[in-house]
Protein backbone atom coordinates (compact mmCIF):
# COMPACT_ATOMS: atom_id res chain seq x y z
CA HIS A 1 0.00 0.00 0.00
CA ARG A 2 3.08 2.27 -0.24
CA LEU A 3 2.79 3.41 3.36
CA PRO A 4 5.92 5.20 4.57
CA ILE A 5 7.88 3.43 7.31
CA VAL A 6 9.75 5.60 9.80
CA ALA A 7 12.69 4.26 11.82
CA PHE A 8 12.52 6.00 15.18
CA ASN A 9 14.70 3.99 17.55
CA ILE A 10 17.86 5.09 19.36
CA ASP A 11 21.19 3.41 18.56
CA ARG A 12 21.38 0.36 20.83
CA LYS A 13 25.05 1.08 21.59
CA ILE A 14 24.04 4.37 23.21
CA VAL A 15 21.40 2.58 25.31
CA SER A 16 23.95 -0.05 26.37
CA SER A 17 26.50 2.63 27.29
CA MET A 18 23.89 4.54 29.28
CA TYR A 19 22.88 1.36 31.09
CA ARG A 20 26.51 0.74 32.12
CA ASN A 21 27.52 4.33 32.92
CA GLY A 22 24.25 5.55 34.38
CA THR A 23 24.51 9.18 33.28
CA PRO A 24 24.07 11.11 30.03
CA ASP A 25 27.16 13.14 30.97
CA ASP A 26 29.30 10.11 30.11
CA THR A 27 28.26 10.12 26.45
CA GLY A 28 30.66 11.43 23.84
CA THR A 29 30.02 14.42 21.59
CA GLU A 30 28.87 12.24 18.69
CA GLU A 31 26.33 10.40 20.86
CA GLU A 32 25.16 13.62 22.53
CA ASN A 33 24.37 15.12 19.11
CA VAL A 34 21.78 12.42 18.39
CA LEU A 35 20.10 12.49 21.81
CA PRO A 36 17.02 14.67 22.27
CA ALA A 37 17.87 18.00 23.92
CA ASP A 38 14.44 18.06 25.60
CA ARG A 39 14.39 15.06 27.91
CA GLU A 40 12.58 14.19 31.11
CA LEU A 41 14.56 11.35 32.63
CA ASP A 42 12.46 10.73 35.74
CA ARG A 43 8.83 11.33 34.90
CA PRO A 44 6.47 10.87 37.90
CA GLY A 45 5.51 7.20 38.16
CA TYR A 46 8.23 6.12 35.74
CA ARG A 47 10.71 5.04 38.40
CA GLN A 48 8.08 3.02 40.27
CA ARG A 49 7.05 1.17 37.12
CA LEU A 50 10.62 0.33 36.15
CA VAL A 51 11.43 -0.91 39.65
CA SER A 52 8.82 -3.63 39.20
CA VAL A 53 10.23 -4.45 35.75
CA LEU A 54 13.81 -4.78 36.98
CA GLN A 55 12.75 -6.99 39.87
CA HIS A 56 12.02 -9.71 37.33
CA HIS A 57 15.65 -9.66 36.14
CA PRO A 58 18.25 -11.73 38.05
CA THR A 59 20.75 -9.62 40.00
CA GLY A 60 23.26 -12.31 40.94
CA GLN A 61 25.60 -11.70 43.86
CA LYS A 62 25.50 -7.88 43.74
CA THR A 63 25.76 -5.38 46.58
CA ALA A 64 23.00 -2.90 47.36
CA GLN A 65 25.12 -0.11 45.84
CA GLU A 66 25.75 -2.14 42.68
CA ASN A 67 22.03 -2.83 42.35
CA ASN A 68 21.26 0.86 42.88
CA ASP A 69 23.80 1.89 40.22
CA ARG A 70 22.38 -0.78 37.91
CA PHE A 71 18.86 0.56 38.38
CA ASN A 72 19.91 4.18 37.79
CA GLY A 73 21.57 3.16 34.55
CA PHE A 74 18.51 1.15 33.55
CA LEU A 75 16.19 4.07 34.38
CA LYS A 76 18.14 6.63 32.37
CA ALA A 77 18.69 4.28 29.43
CA GLN A 78 14.97 3.49 29.21
CA ALA A 79 14.00 7.14 29.58
CA LEU A 80 16.38 8.25 26.83
CA TRP A 81 15.05 5.43 24.68
CA ASP A 82 11.48 6.68 25.16
CA GLU A 83 12.47 10.34 24.69
CA THR A 84 14.25 9.57 21.41
CA MET A 85 11.30 7.64 20.02
CA ALA A 86 8.88 10.35 21.16
CA GLU A 87 10.98 13.02 19.49
CA SER A 88 11.06 11.01 16.25
CA VAL A 89 7.27 10.63 16.32
CA ALA A 90 6.68 14.31 17.06
CA GLU A 91 9.08 15.49 14.37
CA TYR A 92 7.46 13.28 11.73
CA LEU A 93 3.91 14.32 12.61
CA ASP A 94 4.89 17.97 12.82
CA ALA A 95 6.36 17.73 9.32
CA ASN A 96 3.33 15.76 8.06
CA PRO A 97 0.29 17.21 9.86
CA ASP A 98 -2.22 15.57 7.50
CA LEU A 99 -1.01 12.04 8.23
CA ARG A 100 -1.76 9.57 10.98
CA MET A 101 1.02 7.45 12.47
CA VAL A 102 0.92 3.94 13.89
CA VAL A 103 3.76 3.38 16.37
CA ILE A 104 4.81 -0.22 16.91
CA ALA A 105 6.85 -0.73 20.07
CA GLY A 106 7.19 -3.02 23.06
CA ARG A 107 4.56 -2.66 25.76
CA GLY A 108 7.01 -1.05 28.19
CA HIS A 109 7.49 1.79 25.71
CA THR A 110 3.79 2.33 25.01
CA HIS A 111 2.58 2.89 28.61
CA LYS A 112 0.26 5.84 28.12
CA ALA A 113 1.04 7.55 31.45
CA THR A 114 4.83 7.29 31.59
CA ALA A 115 6.42 6.13 28.32
CA ILE A 116 6.28 7.42 24.72
CA PRO A 117 2.73 8.94 24.68
CA PRO A 118 3.19 11.68 27.32
CA ARG A 119 6.60 12.53 25.87
CA VAL A 120 5.02 13.00 22.44
CA ALA A 121 2.28 15.14 24.03
CA ARG A 122 4.93 17.34 25.67
CA ARG A 123 6.29 18.13 22.22
CA LEU A 124 3.15 18.16 20.06
CA PRO A 125 -0.59 18.47 20.83
CA VAL A 126 -1.78 15.43 18.91
CA LYS A 127 -4.56 12.95 19.66
CA GLN A 128 -3.22 9.56 20.73
CA ALA A 129 -4.60 6.14 21.59
CA VAL A 130 -2.66 3.20 23.02
CA VAL A 131 -3.67 -0.30 21.95
CA VAL A 132 -1.96 -3.34 23.48
CA ASN A 133 -2.17 -7.07 23.01
CA ALA A 134 -3.12 -8.79 26.26
CA GLU A 135 -3.28 -12.30 27.58
CA ALA A 136 -6.57 -13.34 29.15
CA SER A 137 -4.80 -13.53 32.52
CA ASP A 138 -3.43 -9.98 32.32
CA ASN A 139 -4.72 -7.37 34.71
CA ALA A 140 -6.12 -4.50 32.65
CA ASP A 141 -4.32 -1.37 33.86
CA PRO A 142 -6.29 1.73 32.80
CA ASP A 143 -3.12 3.82 33.15
CA ALA A 144 -1.29 1.67 30.61
CA ALA A 145 -3.59 1.61 27.58
CA ASP A 146 -6.80 2.90 26.07
CA TYR A 147 -7.77 -0.37 24.37
CA LEU A 148 -6.92 -4.04 24.80
CA PHE A 149 -7.22 -6.79 22.24
CA PHE A 150 -6.91 -10.51 22.89
CA SER A 151 -5.24 -12.72 20.30
CA PRO A 152 -4.84 -16.50 20.41
CA THR A 153 -1.41 -17.98 21.02
CA ILE A 154 0.20 -19.31 17.86
CA THR A 155 3.12 -21.68 17.38
CA LEU A 156 5.73 -20.71 14.83
CA PRO A 157 7.91 -23.22 13.00
CA PRO A 158 11.41 -23.65 14.47
CA ALA A 159 13.66 -20.74 13.55
CA PRO A 160 16.84 -21.52 11.60
CA LEU A 161 19.53 -21.97 14.25
CA LEU A 162 23.16 -21.05 13.67
CA GLY A 163 24.17 -22.03 17.20
CA VAL A 164 26.44 -19.15 18.21
CA MET A 165 26.39 -16.36 20.77
CA LEU A 166 27.85 -13.19 19.30
CA LYS A 167 29.23 -9.79 20.18
CA ASP A 168 30.22 -6.85 17.99
CA THR A 169 33.86 -6.39 17.08
CA GLU A 170 35.62 -3.15 18.01
CA ASP A 171 36.16 -2.18 14.36
CA GLU A 172 32.61 -3.18 13.30
CA ASN A 173 34.04 -5.54 10.72
CA GLY A 174 32.22 -8.72 11.59
CA ALA A 175 30.56 -10.45 14.55
CA GLU A 176 32.76 -12.27 17.07
CA VAL A 177 31.74 -15.69 18.35
CA ALA A 178 31.60 -15.29 22.13
CA ASP A 179 30.29 -18.79 22.78
CA LEU A 180 28.72 -21.80 21.08
CA SER A 181 25.26 -23.20 21.76
CA PRO A 182 24.92 -26.93 22.40
CA GLN A 183 21.60 -26.80 20.51
CA GLY A 184 23.15 -25.67 17.22
CA GLN A 185 25.50 -27.21 14.70
CA ALA A 186 28.12 -24.44 14.49
CA GLN A 187 30.63 -26.29 16.65
CA GLU A 188 30.29 -29.47 14.58
CA ALA A 189 30.87 -27.39 11.45
CA GLY A 190 34.21 -26.22 12.86
CA ILE A 191 33.36 -22.75 14.20
CA LYS A 192 35.25 -21.85 17.37
CA LYS A 193 35.18 -19.14 20.02
CA ARG A 194 36.83 -15.86 18.93
CA ASP A 195 36.12 -16.61 15.25
CA ILE A 196 34.88 -13.52 13.40
CA ILE A 197 31.87 -14.06 11.11
CA VAL A 198 32.36 -11.79 8.09
CA ALA A 199 29.82 -13.23 5.62
CA ILE A 200 26.79 -15.53 5.50
CA ASP A 201 26.00 -16.94 2.05
CA ASN A 202 28.28 -14.23 0.61
CA GLU A 203 26.31 -11.44 2.33
CA PRO A 204 28.81 -9.21 4.19
CA ILE A 205 28.50 -9.11 7.98
CA LYS A 206 29.59 -5.99 9.85
CA ASP A 207 27.96 -6.57 13.24
CA VAL A 208 25.57 -8.77 15.21
CA GLU A 209 22.52 -7.05 13.71
CA ASP A 210 23.67 -8.09 10.23
CA VAL A 211 23.74 -11.72 11.39
CA LYS A 212 20.19 -11.46 12.75
CA ILE A 213 18.96 -9.94 9.49
CA ALA A 214 20.74 -12.57 7.38
CA MET A 215 19.32 -15.42 9.46
CA ALA A 216 15.80 -13.99 9.38
CA PHE A 217 15.62 -14.86 5.69
CA LYS A 218 16.93 -18.42 6.05
CA GLU A 219 13.64 -20.03 7.03
CA GLY A 220 13.30 -23.23 5.05
CA SER A 221 17.04 -23.42 4.35
CA ASP A 222 18.90 -26.56 5.35
CA SER A 223 22.29 -24.91 5.75
CA VAL A 224 24.30 -21.74 5.21
CA ARG A 225 27.85 -20.98 4.14
CA VAL A 226 29.60 -19.00 6.86
CA ARG A 227 32.84 -17.18 6.10
CA ILE A 228 34.98 -16.57 9.16
CA ILE A 229 38.29 -14.99 10.08
CA ARG A 230 40.19 -16.97 12.71
CA PRO A 231 42.71 -14.77 14.54
CA HIS A 232 46.10 -16.20 15.46
CA ALA A 233 48.50 -14.66 17.95
CA LEU A 234 51.71 -15.42 16.05
CA LEU A 235 50.66 -16.49 12.56
CA ALA A 236 48.58 -14.63 10.00
CA ASP A 237 44.82 -14.69 10.51
CA GLU A 238 43.10 -17.58 8.75
CA GLU A 239 40.05 -17.22 6.49
CA LEU A 240 37.68 -20.19 6.30
CA GLU A 241 34.32 -20.92 4.74
CA LEU A 242 32.24 -23.50 6.55
CA GLU A 243 28.82 -25.02 5.90
CA VAL A 244 26.56 -24.98 8.96
CA ASP A 245 23.46 -27.13 9.28
CA LEU A 246 20.58 -24.96 10.53
CA LYS A 247 18.57 -27.70 12.17
CA SER A 248 18.54 -27.78 15.95
CA LYS A 249 20.27 -30.78 17.52
CA LYS A 250 17.88 -33.37 18.91
CA SER A 251 17.74 -33.76 22.66
CA PRO A 252 18.88 -37.25 23.75
CA HIS A 253 15.54 -37.59 25.56
CA SER A 254 13.35 -36.53 22.63
């Protein structure tokens, strides 16, 4: 239908940095230039809602101070995330006053009292309605949404599984294998920790997101060709191309 699609998210690296550092003052000049100048990092009710969210995440053996620092970073990262998306929405609607906009985001970002909606309203007087998908067991929170809809649970076919856990490289020239999953076939194919994935089926890979995008289109494929760079401390780095079966390994009890 030729509907325009607007990307409105913040760079995930900025969110991750904010989560670790806990303050916008620790961002560099380049990052600061893309953050919204108008930002409300602790909107009333926002902290209380995020406390309940973070309580569902494991903390491990952390001190009270470490948990407090972790929460402050989480709070500011989430708030900047919401502010950036709200600014993107407001700027687009301000530039296109005759259009309507459907915003698709996770439920935590759509909370009508504390997330994107009030931050859009602070920038632009525009009519908004929040619609969320709900399970039958969910408690309907009138502060969270204007409308609920209930959809049946569906089962998707198994996703193609490469079987690696990845992290971005410092030079953004590939995705480094941080670990190998016992459920995938990457290890059997010869992939090792610290290998750098630089191409999948000849499609260049610059970072972890490129791997996710490449794999999203492999549904129905039996295998992929993965080109890797294997670093060596003393010898020259080695370039290999390996074929990886995408089927998940069967459990011995299945």
